[in-house]
Amino acid sequence: MSGPINEKFFSKFPNRAPFACIAKPLIEALIQEGDSNLQIGAALYLAASIEAATDPESEQLRKSLPKIGKLLKSDCFKAKAALLSDVGSIITAGGAGTKPVLDWLVPVLIEFFEY
């Protein structure tokens, strides 16, 4: 999902932490917005940002997983399929690399797929 815009943006800021500047508002948009189109867009752009980042902050990603898990369980959140791309990107980037995180995440995903 990394595209030329993301790669161009991240390559311009090699010594800064632009990932945090992008990820935090996108995560907040996922939590606060009720419009399904905005939820889909924020989820997909967050996944693309994680994949395009040269050094995504795995600690920030790890902290976002409980919020994403709550959204997966919420009846009000409509963009659940797009949110799964975030989960995959976070896992790939190392945001779920510890046993306690995986012990929490696997049952959440199993519950999501059973529903």
PDB file of N, CA and C in Angstrom:
ATOM      1  N   MET A   1       0.801  -1.193   0.000  1.00  0.00           N
ATOM      2  CA  MET A   1       0.000   0.000   0.000  1.00  0.00           C
ATOM      3  C   MET A   1       0.847   1.262   0.000  1.00  0.00           C
ATOM      4  N   SER A   2       2.130   1.125   0.028  1.00  0.00           N
ATOM      5  CA  SER A   2       2.948   2.334   0.003  1.00  0.00           C
ATOM      6  C   SER A   2       2.956   2.885  -1.407  1.00  0.00           C
ATOM      7  N   GLY A   3       2.741   4.169  -1.505  1.00  0.00           N
ATOM      8  CA  GLY A   3       2.689   4.801  -2.806  1.00  0.00           C
ATOM      9  C   GLY A   3       3.733   5.895  -2.906  1.00  0.00           C
ATOM     10  N   PRO A   4       3.822   6.524  -4.059  1.00  0.00           N
ATOM     11  CA  PRO A   4       4.836   7.548  -4.266  1.00  0.00           C
ATOM     12  C   PRO A   4       4.660   8.757  -3.351  1.00  0.00           C
ATOM     13  N   ILE A   5       3.426   9.084  -2.993  1.00  0.00           N
ATOM     14  CA  ILE A   5       3.218  10.233  -2.101  1.00  0.00           C
ATOM     15  C   ILE A   5       3.776   9.929  -0.716  1.00  0.00           C
ATOM     16  N   ASN A   6       3.449   8.767  -0.180  1.00  0.00           N
ATOM     17  CA  ASN A   6       3.953   8.402   1.146  1.00  0.00           C
ATOM     18  C   ASN A   6       5.471   8.318   1.153  1.00  0.00           C
ATOM     19  N   GLU A   7       6.046   7.667   0.147  1.00  0.00           N
ATOM     20  CA  GLU A   7       7.504   7.518   0.100  1.00  0.00           C
ATOM     21  C   GLU A   7       8.179   8.872  -0.025  1.00  0.00           C
ATOM     22  N   LYS A   8       7.595   9.760  -0.817  1.00  0.00           N
ATOM     23  CA  LYS A   8       8.156  11.098  -0.991  1.00  0.00           C
ATOM     24  C   LYS A   8       8.096  11.873   0.329  1.00  0.00           C
ATOM     25  N   PHE A   9       6.973  11.759   1.037  1.00  0.00           N
ATOM     26  CA  PHE A   9       6.832  12.476   2.305  1.00  0.00           C
ATOM     27  C   PHE A   9       7.841  11.992   3.326  1.00  0.00           C
ATOM     28  N   PHE A  10       7.921  10.680   3.503  1.00  0.00           N
ATOM     29  CA  PHE A  10       8.809  10.150   4.522  1.00  0.00           C
ATOM     30  C   PHE A  10      10.281  10.348   4.170  1.00  0.00           C
ATOM     31  N   SER A  11      10.616  10.371   2.891  1.00  0.00           N
ATOM     32  CA  SER A  11      12.015  10.569   2.519  1.00  0.00           C
ATOM     33  C   SER A  11      12.462  12.009   2.745  1.00  0.00           C
ATOM     34  N   LYS A  12      11.525  12.954   2.796  1.00  0.00           N
ATOM     35  CA  LYS A  12      11.886  14.350   3.037  1.00  0.00           C
ATOM     36  C   LYS A  12      12.220  14.624   4.506  1.00  0.00           C
ATOM     37  N   PHE A  13      11.797  13.773   5.398  1.00  0.00           N
ATOM     38  CA  PHE A  13      11.983  13.998   6.822  1.00  0.00           C
ATOM     39  C   PHE A  13      12.733  12.843   7.481  1.00  0.00           C
ATOM     40  N   PRO A  14      13.973  12.582   7.080  1.00  0.00           N
ATOM     41  CA  PRO A  14      14.666  11.410   7.610  1.00  0.00           C
ATOM     42  C   PRO A  14      15.047  11.541   9.083  1.00  0.00           C
ATOM     43  N   ASN A  15      15.229  12.746   9.594  1.00  0.00           N
ATOM     44  CA  ASN A  15      15.685  12.921  10.975  1.00  0.00           C
ATOM     45  C   ASN A  15      14.558  13.282  11.928  1.00  0.00           C
ATOM     46  N   ARG A  16      13.380  13.451  11.437  1.00  0.00           N
ATOM     47  CA  ARG A  16      12.233  13.790  12.269  1.00  0.00           C
ATOM     48  C   ARG A  16      11.368  12.561  12.466  1.00  0.00           C
ATOM     49  N   ALA A  17      10.361  12.718  13.276  1.00  0.00           N
ATOM     50  CA  ALA A  17       9.433  11.620  13.520  1.00  0.00           C
ATOM     51  C   ALA A  17       8.079  11.948  12.900  1.00  0.00           C
ATOM     52  N   PRO A  18       7.969  11.963  11.565  1.00  0.00           N
ATOM     53  CA  PRO A  18       6.697  12.324  10.949  1.00  0.00           C
ATOM     54  C   PRO A  18       5.618  11.281  11.168  1.00  0.00           C
ATOM     55  N   PHE A  19       6.028  10.050  11.462  1.00  0.00           N
ATOM     56  CA  PHE A  19       5.035   8.999  11.637  1.00  0.00           C
ATOM     57  C   PHE A  19       4.070   9.356  12.762  1.00  0.00           C
ATOM     58  N   ALA A  20       4.584   9.851  13.875  1.00  0.00           N
ATOM     59  CA  ALA A  20       3.724  10.220  14.996  1.00  0.00           C
ATOM     60  C   ALA A  20       2.799  11.361  14.618  1.00  0.00           C
ATOM     61  N   CYS A  21       3.286  12.261  13.783  1.00  0.00           N
ATOM     62  CA  CYS A  21       2.467  13.399  13.354  1.00  0.00           C
ATOM     63  C   CYS A  21       1.310  12.951  12.471  1.00  0.00           C
ATOM     64  N   ILE A  22       1.482  11.868  11.776  1.00  0.00           N
ATOM     65  CA  ILE A  22       0.431  11.360  10.896  1.00  0.00           C
ATOM     66  C   ILE A  22      -0.462  10.362  11.623  1.00  0.00           C
ATOM     67  N   ALA A  23       0.138   9.467  12.374  1.00  0.00           N
ATOM     68  CA  ALA A  23      -0.618   8.372  12.976  1.00  0.00           C
ATOM     69  C   ALA A  23      -1.604   8.851  14.042  1.00  0.00           C
ATOM     70  N   LYS A  24      -1.189   9.763  14.882  1.00  0.00           N
ATOM     71  CA  LYS A  24      -2.054  10.176  15.989  1.00  0.00           C
ATOM     72  C   LYS A  24      -3.373  10.769  15.498  1.00  0.00           C
ATOM     73  N   PRO A  25      -3.369  11.737  14.556  1.00  0.00           N
ATOM     74  CA  PRO A  25      -4.662  12.251  14.089  1.00  0.00           C
ATOM     75  C   PRO A  25      -5.524  11.202  13.376  1.00  0.00           C
ATOM     76  N   LEU A  26      -4.880  10.257  12.689  1.00  0.00           N
ATOM     77  CA  LEU A  26      -5.641   9.213  12.009  1.00  0.00           C
ATOM     78  C   LEU A  26      -6.310   8.280  13.012  1.00  0.00           C
ATOM     79  N   ILE A  27      -5.587   7.936  14.070  1.00  0.00           N
ATOM     80  CA  ILE A  27      -6.169   7.084  15.114  1.00  0.00           C
ATOM     81  C   ILE A  27      -7.307   7.813  15.813  1.00  0.00           C
ATOM     82  N   GLU A  28      -7.112   9.104  16.078  1.00  0.00           N
ATOM     83  CA  GLU A  28      -8.178   9.893  16.695  1.00  0.00           C
ATOM     84  C   GLU A  28      -9.398   9.977  15.775  1.00  0.00           C
ATOM     85  N   ALA A  29      -9.165  10.117  14.474  1.00  0.00           N
ATOM     86  CA  ALA A  29     -10.277  10.158  13.523  1.00  0.00           C
ATOM     87  C   ALA A  29     -11.036   8.833  13.522  1.00  0.00           C
ATOM     88  N   LEU A  30     -10.314   7.735  13.613  1.00  0.00           N
ATOM     89  CA  LEU A  30     -10.969   6.436  13.670  1.00  0.00           C
ATOM     90  C   LEU A  30     -11.891   6.336  14.882  1.00  0.00           C
ATOM     91  N   ILE A  31     -11.433   6.857  15.996  1.00  0.00           N
ATOM     92  CA  ILE A  31     -12.185   6.745  17.247  1.00  0.00           C
ATOM     93  C   ILE A  31     -13.380   7.700  17.275  1.00  0.00           C
ATOM     94  N   GLN A  32     -13.192   8.918  16.783  1.00  0.00           N
ATOM     95  CA  GLN A  32     -14.187   9.963  16.990  1.00  0.00           C
ATOM     96  C   GLN A  32     -15.199  10.124  15.861  1.00  0.00           C
ATOM     97  N   GLU A  33     -14.855   9.766  14.658  1.00  0.00           N
ATOM     98  CA  GLU A  33     -15.733  10.036  13.524  1.00  0.00           C
ATOM     99  C   GLU A  33     -16.788   8.948  13.358  1.00  0.00           C
ATOM    100  N   GLY A  34     -17.976   9.362  13.013  1.00  0.00           N
ATOM    101  CA  GLY A  34     -19.066   8.429  12.804  1.00  0.00           C
ATOM    102  C   GLY A  34     -19.330   8.122  11.346  1.00  0.00           C
ATOM    103  N   ASP A  35     -18.788   8.922  10.442  1.00  0.00           N
ATOM    104  CA  ASP A  35     -18.996   8.716   9.020  1.00  0.00           C
ATOM    105  C   ASP A  35     -18.195   7.503   8.544  1.00  0.00           C
ATOM    106  N   SER A  36     -18.860   6.556   7.932  1.00  0.00           N
ATOM    107  CA  SER A  36     -18.181   5.320   7.534  1.00  0.00           C
ATOM    108  C   SER A  36     -17.122   5.563   6.458  1.00  0.00           C
ATOM    109  N   ASN A  37     -17.367   6.512   5.555  1.00  0.00           N
ATOM    110  CA  ASN A  37     -16.370   6.803   4.524  1.00  0.00           C
ATOM    111  C   ASN A  37     -15.100   7.380   5.129  1.00  0.00           C
ATOM    112  N   LEU A  38     -15.257   8.252   6.115  1.00  0.00           N
ATOM    113  CA  LEU A  38     -14.089   8.813   6.781  1.00  0.00           C
ATOM    114  C   LEU A  38     -13.352   7.725   7.567  1.00  0.00           C
ATOM    115  N   GLN A  39     -14.093   6.832   8.191  1.00  0.00           N
ATOM    116  CA  GLN A  39     -13.467   5.727   8.921  1.00  0.00           C
ATOM    117  C   GLN A  39     -12.651   4.847   7.974  1.00  0.00           C
ATOM    118  N   ILE A  40     -13.209   4.537   6.820  1.00  0.00           N
ATOM    119  CA  ILE A  40     -12.496   3.711   5.839  1.00  0.00           C
ATOM    120  C   ILE A  40     -11.230   4.418   5.369  1.00  0.00           C
ATOM    121  N   GLY A  41     -11.359   5.688   5.027  1.00  0.00           N
ATOM    122  CA  GLY A  41     -10.207   6.451   4.549  1.00  0.00           C
ATOM    123  C   GLY A  41      -9.114   6.549   5.591  1.00  0.00           C
ATOM    124  N   ALA A  42      -9.490   6.841   6.840  1.00  0.00           N
ATOM    125  CA  ALA A  42      -8.498   6.953   7.909  1.00  0.00           C
ATOM    126  C   ALA A  42      -7.811   5.612   8.156  1.00  0.00           C
ATOM    127  N   ALA A  43      -8.582   4.530   8.141  1.00  0.00           N
ATOM    128  CA  ALA A  43      -8.000   3.202   8.380  1.00  0.00           C
ATOM    129  C   ALA A  43      -7.022   2.815   7.272  1.00  0.00           C
ATOM    130  N   LEU A  44      -7.407   3.043   6.033  1.00  0.00           N
ATOM    131  CA  LEU A  44      -6.535   2.669   4.919  1.00  0.00           C
ATOM    132  C   LEU A  44      -5.298   3.554   4.851  1.00  0.00           C
ATOM    133  N   TYR A  45      -5.459   4.839   5.137  1.00  0.00           N
ATOM    134  CA  TYR A  45      -4.289   5.716   5.105  1.00  0.00           C
ATOM    135  C   TYR A  45      -3.350   5.406   6.270  1.00  0.00           C
ATOM    136  N   LEU A  46      -3.898   5.038   7.419  1.00  0.00           N
ATOM    137  CA  LEU A  46      -3.051   4.648   8.540  1.00  0.00           C
ATOM    138  C   LEU A  46      -2.242   3.401   8.178  1.00  0.00           C
ATOM    139  N   ALA A  47      -2.876   2.421   7.563  1.00  0.00           N
ATOM    140  CA  ALA A  47      -2.158   1.210   7.151  1.00  0.00           C
ATOM    141  C   ALA A  47      -1.057   1.550   6.156  1.00  0.00           C
ATOM    142  N   ALA A  48      -1.374   2.416   5.180  1.00  0.00           N
ATOM    143  CA  ALA A  48      -0.364   2.807   4.186  1.00  0.00           C
ATOM    144  C   ALA A  48       0.774   3.581   4.842  1.00  0.00           C
ATOM    145  N   SER A  49       0.461   4.402   5.830  1.00  0.00           N
ATOM    146  CA  SER A  49       1.494   5.172   6.528  1.00  0.00           C
ATOM    147  C   SER A  49       2.413   4.264   7.330  1.00  0.00           C
ATOM    148  N   ILE A  50       1.837   3.266   7.961  1.00  0.00           N
ATOM    149  CA  ILE A  50       2.645   2.313   8.728  1.00  0.00           C
ATOM    150  C   ILE A  50       3.591   1.572   7.791  1.00  0.00           C
ATOM    151  N   GLU A  51       3.065   1.131   6.657  1.00  0.00           N
ATOM    152  CA  GLU A  51       3.875   0.372   5.713  1.00  0.00           C
ATOM    153  C   GLU A  51       4.948   1.230   5.052  1.00  0.00           C
ATOM    154  N   ALA A  52       4.673   2.521   4.849  1.00  0.00           N
ATOM    155  CA  ALA A  52       5.627   3.396   4.164  1.00  0.00           C
ATOM    156  C   ALA A  52       6.676   3.969   5.103  1.00  0.00           C
ATOM    157  N   ALA A  53       6.414   3.969   6.391  1.00  0.00           N
ATOM    158  CA  ALA A  53       7.350   4.557   7.348  1.00  0.00           C
ATOM    159  C   ALA A  53       8.631   3.735   7.398  1.00  0.00           C
ATOM    160  N   THR A  54       9.759   4.420   7.370  1.00  0.00           N
ATOM    161  CA  THR A  54      11.030   3.709   7.454  1.00  0.00           C
ATOM    162  C   THR A  54      11.262   3.171   8.853  1.00  0.00           C
ATOM    163  N   ASP A  55      10.758   3.865   9.845  1.00  0.00           N
ATOM    164  CA  ASP A  55      10.910   3.419  11.226  1.00  0.00           C
ATOM    165  C   ASP A  55       9.641   3.743  12.007  1.00  0.00           C
ATOM    166  N   PRO A  56       8.566   2.959  11.794  1.00  0.00           N
ATOM    167  CA  PRO A  56       7.353   3.236  12.567  1.00  0.00           C
ATOM    168  C   PRO A  56       7.621   2.961  14.041  1.00  0.00           C
ATOM    169  N   GLU A  57       7.068   3.775  14.871  1.00  0.00           N
ATOM    170  CA  GLU A  57       7.308   3.675  16.314  1.00  0.00           C
ATOM    171  C   GLU A  57       6.489   2.519  16.868  1.00  0.00           C
ATOM    172  N   SER A  58       7.146   1.403  17.094  1.00  0.00           N
ATOM    173  CA  SER A  58       6.432   0.199  17.502  1.00  0.00           C
ATOM    174  C   SER A  58       5.734   0.367  18.843  1.00  0.00           C
ATOM    175  N   GLU A  59       6.282   1.200  19.722  1.00  0.00           N
ATOM    176  CA  GLU A  59       5.623   1.429  21.008  1.00  0.00           C
ATOM    177  C   GLU A  59       4.295   2.158  20.810  1.00  0.00           C
ATOM    178  N   GLN A  60       4.273   3.141  19.936  1.00  0.00           N
ATOM    179  CA  GLN A  60       3.025   3.853  19.634  1.00  0.00           C
ATOM    180  C   GLN A  60       2.031   2.900  18.971  1.00  0.00           C
ATOM    181  N   LEU A  61       2.512   2.049  18.099  1.00  0.00           N
ATOM    182  CA  LEU A  61       1.636   1.072  17.457  1.00  0.00           C
ATOM    183  C   LEU A  61       1.057   0.111  18.483  1.00  0.00           C
ATOM    184  N   ARG A  62       1.905  -0.330  19.404  1.00  0.00           N
ATOM    185  CA  ARG A  62       1.466  -1.248  20.460  1.00  0.00           C
ATOM    186  C   ARG A  62       0.376  -0.590  21.304  1.00  0.00           C
ATOM    187  N   LYS A  63       0.544   0.707  21.587  1.00  0.00           N
ATOM    188  CA  LYS A  63      -0.454   1.420  22.391  1.00  0.00           C
ATOM    189  C   LYS A  63      -1.763   1.636  21.632  1.00  0.00           C
ATOM    190  N   SER A  64      -1.708   1.631  20.315  1.00  0.00           N
ATOM    191  CA  SER A  64      -2.927   1.833  19.536  1.00  0.00           C
ATOM    192  C   SER A  64      -3.754   0.555  19.391  1.00  0.00           C
ATOM    193  N   LEU A  65      -3.157  -0.600  19.619  1.00  0.00           N
ATOM    194  CA  LEU A  65      -3.889  -1.859  19.442  1.00  0.00           C
ATOM    195  C   LEU A  65      -5.124  -1.987  20.330  1.00  0.00           C
ATOM    196  N   PRO A  66      -5.073  -1.608  21.623  1.00  0.00           N
ATOM    197  CA  PRO A  66      -6.311  -1.700  22.423  1.00  0.00           C
ATOM    198  C   PRO A  66      -7.433  -0.819  21.872  1.00  0.00           C
ATOM    199  N   LYS A  67      -7.080   0.355  21.359  1.00  0.00           N
ATOM    200  CA  LYS A  67      -8.094   1.232  20.768  1.00  0.00           C
ATOM    201  C   LYS A  67      -8.695   0.574  19.532  1.00  0.00           C
ATOM    202  N   ILE A  68      -7.841  -0.030  18.717  1.00  0.00           N
ATOM    203  CA  ILE A  68      -8.315  -0.707  17.519  1.00  0.00           C
ATOM    204  C   ILE A  68      -9.163  -1.918  17.889  1.00  0.00           C
ATOM    205  N   GLY A  69      -8.767  -2.633  18.943  1.00  0.00           N
ATOM    206  CA  GLY A  69      -9.555  -3.771  19.413  1.00  0.00           C
ATOM    207  C   GLY A  69     -10.950  -3.353  19.860  1.00  0.00           C
ATOM    208  N   LYS A  70     -11.052  -2.211  20.537  1.00  0.00           N
ATOM    209  CA  LYS A  70     -12.365  -1.716  20.956  1.00  0.00           C
ATOM    210  C   LYS A  70     -13.223  -1.356  19.749  1.00  0.00           C
ATOM    211  N   LEU A  71     -12.579  -0.783  18.725  1.00  0.00           N
ATOM    212  CA  LEU A  71     -13.326  -0.446  17.520  1.00  0.00           C
ATOM    213  C   LEU A  71     -13.835  -1.703  16.813  1.00  0.00           C
ATOM    214  N   LEU A  72     -13.025  -2.758  16.790  1.00  0.00           N
ATOM    215  CA  LEU A  72     -13.458  -4.014  16.168  1.00  0.00           C
ATOM    216  C   LEU A  72     -14.666  -4.610  16.885  1.00  0.00           C
ATOM    217  N   LYS A  73     -14.763  -4.379  18.189  1.00  0.00           N
ATOM    218  CA  LYS A  73     -15.875  -4.911  18.983  1.00  0.00           C
ATOM    219  C   LYS A  73     -17.106  -4.004  18.956  1.00  0.00           C
ATOM    220  N   SER A  74     -16.927  -2.758  18.547  1.00  0.00           N
ATOM    221  CA  SER A  74     -18.002  -1.766  18.597  1.00  0.00           C
ATOM    222  C   SER A  74     -19.009  -1.957  17.460  1.00  0.00           C
ATOM    223  N   ASP A  75     -20.290  -1.879  17.795  1.00  0.00           N
ATOM    224  CA  ASP A  75     -21.335  -1.941  16.778  1.00  0.00           C
ATOM    225  C   ASP A  75     -21.430  -0.638  16.000  1.00  0.00           C
ATOM    226  N   CYS A  76     -20.950   0.451  16.588  1.00  0.00           N
ATOM    227  CA  CYS A  76     -21.035   1.765  15.937  1.00  0.00           C
ATOM    228  C   CYS A  76     -19.967   1.962  14.873  1.00  0.00           C
ATOM    229  N   PHE A  77     -18.878   1.233  14.970  1.00  0.00           N
ATOM    230  CA  PHE A  77     -17.792   1.393  14.003  1.00  0.00           C
ATOM    231  C   PHE A  77     -18.104   0.563  12.771  1.00  0.00           C
ATOM    232  N   LYS A  78     -18.176   1.191  11.616  1.00  0.00           N
ATOM    233  CA  LYS A  78     -18.629   0.522  10.392  1.00  0.00           C
ATOM    234  C   LYS A  78     -17.510   0.055   9.473  1.00  0.00           C
ATOM    235  N   ALA A  79     -16.290   0.546   9.651  1.00  0.00           N
ATOM    236  CA  ALA A  79     -15.197   0.237   8.718  1.00  0.00           C
ATOM    237  C   ALA A  79     -14.289  -0.865   9.258  1.00  0.00           C
ATOM    238  N   LYS A  80     -14.878  -1.928   9.726  1.00  0.00           N
ATOM    239  CA  LYS A  80     -14.100  -2.992  10.369  1.00  0.00           C
ATOM    240  C   LYS A  80     -13.185  -3.719   9.388  1.00  0.00           C
ATOM    241  N   ALA A  81     -13.625  -3.914   8.181  1.00  0.00           N
ATOM    242  CA  ALA A  81     -12.775  -4.597   7.199  1.00  0.00           C
ATOM    243  C   ALA A  81     -11.519  -3.777   6.917  1.00  0.00           C
ATOM    244  N   ALA A  82     -11.676  -2.466   6.793  1.00  0.00           N
ATOM    245  CA  ALA A  82     -10.515  -1.601   6.558  1.00  0.00           C
ATOM    246  C   ALA A  82      -9.611  -1.575   7.784  1.00  0.00           C
ATOM    247  N   LEU A  83     -10.199  -1.703   8.952  1.00  0.00           N
ATOM    248  CA  LEU A  83      -9.411  -1.694  10.183  1.00  0.00           C
ATOM    249  C   LEU A  83      -8.517  -2.931  10.293  1.00  0.00           C
ATOM    250  N   LEU A  84      -8.932  -4.020   9.676  1.00  0.00           N
ATOM    251  CA  LEU A  84      -8.089  -5.224   9.690  1.00  0.00           C
ATOM    252  C   LEU A  84      -6.766  -4.983   8.964  1.00  0.00           C
ATOM    253  N   SER A  85      -6.771  -4.097   7.971  1.00  0.00           N
ATOM    254  CA  SER A  85      -5.511  -3.776   7.305  1.00  0.00           C
ATOM    255  C   SER A  85      -4.560  -3.066   8.270  1.00  0.00           C
ATOM    256  N   ASP A  86      -5.108  -2.283   9.201  1.00  0.00           N
ATOM    257  CA  ASP A  86      -4.268  -1.649  10.222  1.00  0.00           C
ATOM    258  C   ASP A  86      -3.650  -2.692  11.141  1.00  0.00           C
ATOM    259  N   VAL A  87      -4.451  -3.660  11.539  1.00  0.00           N
ATOM    260  CA  VAL A  87      -3.938  -4.717  12.415  1.00  0.00           C
ATOM    261  C   VAL A  87      -2.799  -5.459  11.722  1.00  0.00           C
ATOM    262  N   GLY A  88      -2.984  -5.798  10.462  1.00  0.00           N
ATOM    263  CA  GLY A  88      -1.933  -6.485   9.710  1.00  0.00           C
ATOM    264  C   GLY A  88      -0.679  -5.649   9.572  1.00  0.00           C
ATOM    265  N   SER A  89      -0.849  -4.359   9.320  1.00  0.00           N
ATOM    266  CA  SER A  89       0.313  -3.470   9.190  1.00  0.00           C
ATOM    267  C   SER A  89       1.046  -3.318  10.511  1.00  0.00           C
ATOM    268  N   ILE A  90       0.289  -3.223  11.604  1.00  0.00           N
ATOM    269  CA  ILE A  90       0.905  -3.097  12.926  1.00  0.00           C
ATOM    270  C   ILE A  90       1.691  -4.353  13.266  1.00  0.00           C
ATOM    271  N   ILE A  91       1.131  -5.508  12.982  1.00  0.00           N
ATOM    272  CA  ILE A  91       1.838  -6.769  13.245  1.00  0.00           C
ATOM    273  C   ILE A  91       3.103  -6.842  12.406  1.00  0.00           C
ATOM    274  N   THR A  92       3.005  -6.495  11.129  1.00  0.00           N
ATOM    275  CA  THR A  92       4.159  -6.532  10.231  1.00  0.00           C
ATOM    276  C   THR A  92       5.255  -5.573  10.681  1.00  0.00           C
ATOM    277  N   ALA A  93       4.870  -4.416  11.214  1.00  0.00           N
ATOM    278  CA  ALA A  93       5.839  -3.406  11.642  1.00  0.00           C
ATOM    279  C   ALA A  93       6.430  -3.703  13.014  1.00  0.00           C
ATOM    280  N   GLY A  94       6.001  -4.761  13.660  1.00  0.00           N
ATOM    281  CA  GLY A  94       6.562  -5.133  14.953  1.00  0.00           C
ATOM    282  C   GLY A  94       5.824  -4.565  16.147  1.00  0.00           C
ATOM    283  N   GLY A  95       4.623  -4.038  15.929  1.00  0.00           N
ATOM    284  CA  GLY A  95       3.862  -3.458  17.020  1.00  0.00           C
ATOM    285  C   GLY A  95       3.181  -4.474  17.906  1.00  0.00           C
ATOM    286  N   ALA A  96       3.193  -5.726  17.509  1.00  0.00           N
ATOM    287  CA  ALA A  96       2.577  -6.784  18.309  1.00  0.00           C
ATOM    288  C   ALA A  96       3.590  -7.886  18.563  1.00  0.00           C
ATOM    289  N   GLY A  97       4.811  -7.489  18.850  1.00  0.00           N
ATOM    290  CA  GLY A  97       5.892  -8.454  18.934  1.00  0.00           C
ATOM    291  C   GLY A  97       6.108  -9.114  20.275  1.00  0.00           C
ATOM    292  N   THR A  98       5.291  -8.785  21.267  1.00  0.00           N
ATOM    293  CA  THR A  98       5.487  -9.401  22.574  1.00  0.00           C
ATOM    294  C   THR A  98       4.354 -10.384  22.862  1.00  0.00           C
ATOM    295  N   LYS A  99       4.633 -11.353  23.709  1.00  0.00           N
ATOM    296  CA  LYS A  99       3.645 -12.373  24.036  1.00  0.00           C
ATOM    297  C   LYS A  99       2.387 -11.795  24.681  1.00  0.00           C
ATOM    298  N   PRO A 100       2.494 -10.861  25.643  1.00  0.00           N
ATOM    299  CA  PRO A 100       1.253 -10.321  26.221  1.00  0.00           C
ATOM    300  C   PRO A 100       0.358  -9.620  25.187  1.00  0.00           C
ATOM    301  N   VAL A 101       0.962  -8.933  24.248  1.00  0.00           N
ATOM    302  CA  VAL A 101       0.169  -8.261  23.214  1.00  0.00           C
ATOM    303  C   VAL A 101      -0.522  -9.305  22.336  1.00  0.00           C
ATOM    304  N   LEU A 102       0.209 -10.322  21.941  1.00  0.00           N
ATOM    305  CA  LEU A 102      -0.392 -11.378  21.117  1.00  0.00           C
ATOM    306  C   LEU A 102      -1.448 -12.165  21.892  1.00  0.00           C
ATOM    307  N   ASP A 103      -1.207 -12.386  23.193  1.00  0.00           N
ATOM    308  CA  ASP A 103      -2.198 -13.083  24.018  1.00  0.00           C
ATOM    309  C   ASP A 103      -3.507 -12.305  24.084  1.00  0.00           C
ATOM    310  N   TRP A 104      -3.417 -10.988  24.009  1.00  0.00           N
ATOM    311  CA  TRP A 104      -4.617 -10.156  24.002  1.00  0.00           C
ATOM    312  C   TRP A 104      -5.221 -10.084  22.601  1.00  0.00           C
ATOM    313  N   LEU A 105      -4.382  -9.944  21.588  1.00  0.00           N
ATOM    314  CA  LEU A 105      -4.841  -9.687  20.233  1.00  0.00           C
ATOM    315  C   LEU A 105      -5.512 -10.896  19.582  1.00  0.00           C
ATOM    316  N   VAL A 106      -4.975 -12.078  19.769  1.00  0.00           N
ATOM    317  CA  VAL A 106      -5.512 -13.266  19.099  1.00  0.00           C
ATOM    318  C   VAL A 106      -6.967 -13.525  19.488  1.00  0.00           C
ATOM    319  N   PRO A 107      -7.335 -13.492  20.774  1.00  0.00           N
ATOM    320  CA  PRO A 107      -8.762 -13.684  21.093  1.00  0.00           C
ATOM    321  C   PRO A 107      -9.673 -12.592  20.524  1.00  0.00           C
ATOM    322  N   VAL A 108      -9.175 -11.356  20.463  1.00  0.00           N
ATOM    323  CA  VAL A 108      -9.970 -10.270  19.876  1.00  0.00           C
ATOM    324  C   VAL A 108     -10.248 -10.564  18.408  1.00  0.00           C
ATOM    325  N   LEU A 109      -9.225 -11.003  17.686  1.00  0.00           N
ATOM    326  CA  LEU A 109      -9.419 -11.312  16.267  1.00  0.00           C
ATOM    327  C   LEU A 109     -10.290 -12.537  16.059  1.00  0.00           C
ATOM    328  N   ILE A 110     -10.141 -13.539  16.912  1.00  0.00           N
ATOM    329  CA  ILE A 110     -10.999 -14.729  16.813  1.00  0.00           C
ATOM    330  C   ILE A 110     -12.453 -14.339  17.038  1.00  0.00           C
ATOM    331  N   GLU A 111     -12.699 -13.521  18.055  1.00  0.00           N
ATOM    332  CA  GLU A 111     -14.053 -13.061  18.319  1.00  0.00           C
ATOM    333  C   GLU A 111     -14.615 -12.281  17.134  1.00  0.00           C
ATOM    334  N   PHE A 112     -13.761 -11.448  16.534  1.00  0.00           N
ATOM    335  CA  PHE A 112     -14.206 -10.666  15.387  1.00  0.00           C
ATOM    336  C   PHE A 112     -14.604 -11.563  14.215  1.00  0.00           C
ATOM    337  N   PHE A 113     -13.800 -12.571  13.935  1.00  0.00           N
ATOM    338  CA  PHE A 113     -14.102 -13.451  12.809  1.00  0.00           C
ATOM    339  C   PHE A 113     -15.266 -14.382  13.086  1.00  0.00           C
ATOM    340  N   GLU A 114     -15.539 -14.697  14.338  1.00  0.00           N
ATOM    341  CA  GLU A 114     -16.696 -15.535  14.669  1.00  0.00           C
ATOM    342  C   GLU A 114     -17.998 -14.778  14.514  1.00  0.00           C
ATOM    343  N   TYR A 115     -17.968 -13.481  14.692  1.00  0.00           N
ATOM    344  CA  TYR A 115     -19.176 -12.661  14.630  1.00  0.00           C
ATOM    345  C   TYR A 115     -19.550 -12.485  13.197  1.00  0.00           C
TER     346      TYR A 115
END
